[in-house]
């Protein structure tokens, strides 16, 4: 499969989904009290935020996008 780039286009602007995910993961790794075993990202452009959960929802956080 060819390398794929996913860009979310909304009235608030364009967001590179991979970059948002990487930024959220780096933030999580810094703050999570244990090893990150699973990771989910939820992008809310209207809030200007990406929210994330790790370790089956036991750890949560957010970043500015």
C-alpha atoms as a PDB file:
ATOM      1  CA  UNK A   1       0.000   0.000   0.000  1.00  0.00           C
ATOM      2  CA  UNK A   2       1.240   3.486  -0.818  1.00  0.00           C
ATOM      3  CA  UNK A   3       1.962   5.936   1.990  1.00  0.00           C
ATOM      4  CA  UNK A   4      -1.286   7.690   2.834  1.00  0.00           C
ATOM      5  CA  UNK A   5      -1.775  11.144   4.333  1.00  0.00           C
ATOM      6  CA  UNK A   6      -5.126  11.954   5.921  1.00  0.00           C
ATOM      7  CA  UNK A   7      -6.051  15.617   6.253  1.00  0.00           C
ATOM      8  CA  UNK A   8      -9.189  16.621   8.126  1.00  0.00           C
ATOM      9  CA  UNK A   9     -10.657  19.714   6.457  1.00  0.00           C
ATOM     10  CA  UNK A  10     -13.119  21.698   8.556  1.00  0.00           C
ATOM     11  CA  UNK A  11     -14.054  25.387   8.774  1.00  0.00           C
ATOM     12  CA  UNK A  12     -11.483  25.814  11.575  1.00  0.00           C
ATOM     13  CA  UNK A  13      -8.655  24.742   9.237  1.00  0.00           C
ATOM     14  CA  UNK A  14      -6.808  21.711   7.890  1.00  0.00           C
ATOM     15  CA  UNK A  15      -5.398  19.154  10.301  1.00  0.00           C
ATOM     16  CA  UNK A  16      -2.889  16.425   9.422  1.00  0.00           C
ATOM     17  CA  UNK A  17      -4.324  13.462  11.327  1.00  0.00           C
ATOM     18  CA  UNK A  18      -0.962  11.665  11.627  1.00  0.00           C
ATOM     19  CA  UNK A  19       0.756  14.727  13.110  1.00  0.00           C
ATOM     20  CA  UNK A  20      -2.076  15.265  15.586  1.00  0.00           C
ATOM     21  CA  UNK A  21      -1.857  11.596  16.636  1.00  0.00           C
ATOM     22  CA  UNK A  22       1.934  11.764  17.040  1.00  0.00           C
ATOM     23  CA  UNK A  23       1.704  14.939  19.135  1.00  0.00           C
ATOM     24  CA  UNK A  24      -0.985  13.388  21.352  1.00  0.00           C
ATOM     25  CA  UNK A  25       1.018  10.180  21.795  1.00  0.00           C
ATOM     26  CA  UNK A  26       4.178  12.082  22.785  1.00  0.00           C
ATOM     27  CA  UNK A  27       2.153  14.061  25.333  1.00  0.00           C
ATOM     28  CA  UNK A  28       0.642  10.859  26.696  1.00  0.00           C
ATOM     29  CA  UNK A  29       4.009   9.104  27.043  1.00  0.00           C
ATOM     30  CA  UNK A  30       5.334  12.077  29.054  1.00  0.00           C
ATOM     31  CA  UNK A  31       2.354  12.139  31.411  1.00  0.00           C
ATOM     32  CA  UNK A  32       1.083   8.561  31.635  1.00  0.00           C
ATOM     33  CA  UNK A  33       2.099   6.935  34.935  1.00  0.00           C
ATOM     34  CA  UNK A  34       2.590   3.520  33.283  1.00  0.00           C
ATOM     35  CA  UNK A  35       3.492   1.967  29.930  1.00  0.00           C
ATOM     36  CA  UNK A  36       1.081   2.893  27.125  1.00  0.00           C
ATOM     37  CA  UNK A  37      -0.544  -0.340  25.961  1.00  0.00           C
ATOM     38  CA  UNK A  38      -3.389   1.040  23.856  1.00  0.00           C
ATOM     39  CA  UNK A  39      -4.038   4.550  22.622  1.00  0.00           C
ATOM     40  CA  UNK A  40      -7.033   6.359  21.104  1.00  0.00           C
ATOM     41  CA  UNK A  41      -7.327   9.914  19.786  1.00  0.00           C
ATOM     42  CA  UNK A  42     -10.531  11.926  19.346  1.00  0.00           C
ATOM     43  CA  UNK A  43     -10.161  15.163  17.351  1.00  0.00           C
ATOM     44  CA  UNK A  44     -12.623  17.985  18.090  1.00  0.00           C
ATOM     45  CA  UNK A  45     -11.724  20.873  15.787  1.00  0.00           C
ATOM     46  CA  UNK A  46     -14.520  23.023  17.207  1.00  0.00           C
ATOM     47  CA  UNK A  47     -12.711  22.874  20.581  1.00  0.00           C
ATOM     48  CA  UNK A  48      -9.259  23.259  19.022  1.00  0.00           C
ATOM     49  CA  UNK A  49      -8.332  20.065  20.886  1.00  0.00           C
ATOM     50  CA  UNK A  50      -7.494  16.425  20.420  1.00  0.00           C
ATOM     51  CA  UNK A  51      -8.482  14.274  23.366  1.00  0.00           C
ATOM     52  CA  UNK A  52      -6.826  10.944  24.050  1.00  0.00           C
ATOM     53  CA  UNK A  53      -7.233   7.872  26.194  1.00  0.00           C
ATOM     54  CA  UNK A  54      -4.687   5.212  27.060  1.00  0.00           C
ATOM     55  CA  UNK A  55      -4.711   1.856  28.786  1.00  0.00           C
ATOM     56  CA  UNK A  56      -8.400   1.132  28.281  1.00  0.00           C
ATOM     57  CA  UNK A  57      -9.454   4.626  29.359  1.00  0.00           C
ATOM     58  CA  UNK A  58      -7.572   4.567  32.664  1.00  0.00           C
ATOM     59  CA  UNK A  59      -5.513   7.573  31.536  1.00  0.00           C
ATOM     60  CA  UNK A  60      -6.845  10.584  29.615  1.00  0.00           C
ATOM     61  CA  UNK A  61      -5.509  13.882  28.379  1.00  0.00           C
ATOM     62  CA  UNK A  62      -5.732  16.485  25.652  1.00  0.00           C
ATOM     63  CA  UNK A  63      -3.570  18.638  23.420  1.00  0.00           C
ATOM     64  CA  UNK A  64      -4.131  21.803  21.427  1.00  0.00           C
ATOM     65  CA  UNK A  65      -4.295  21.257  17.682  1.00  0.00           C
END
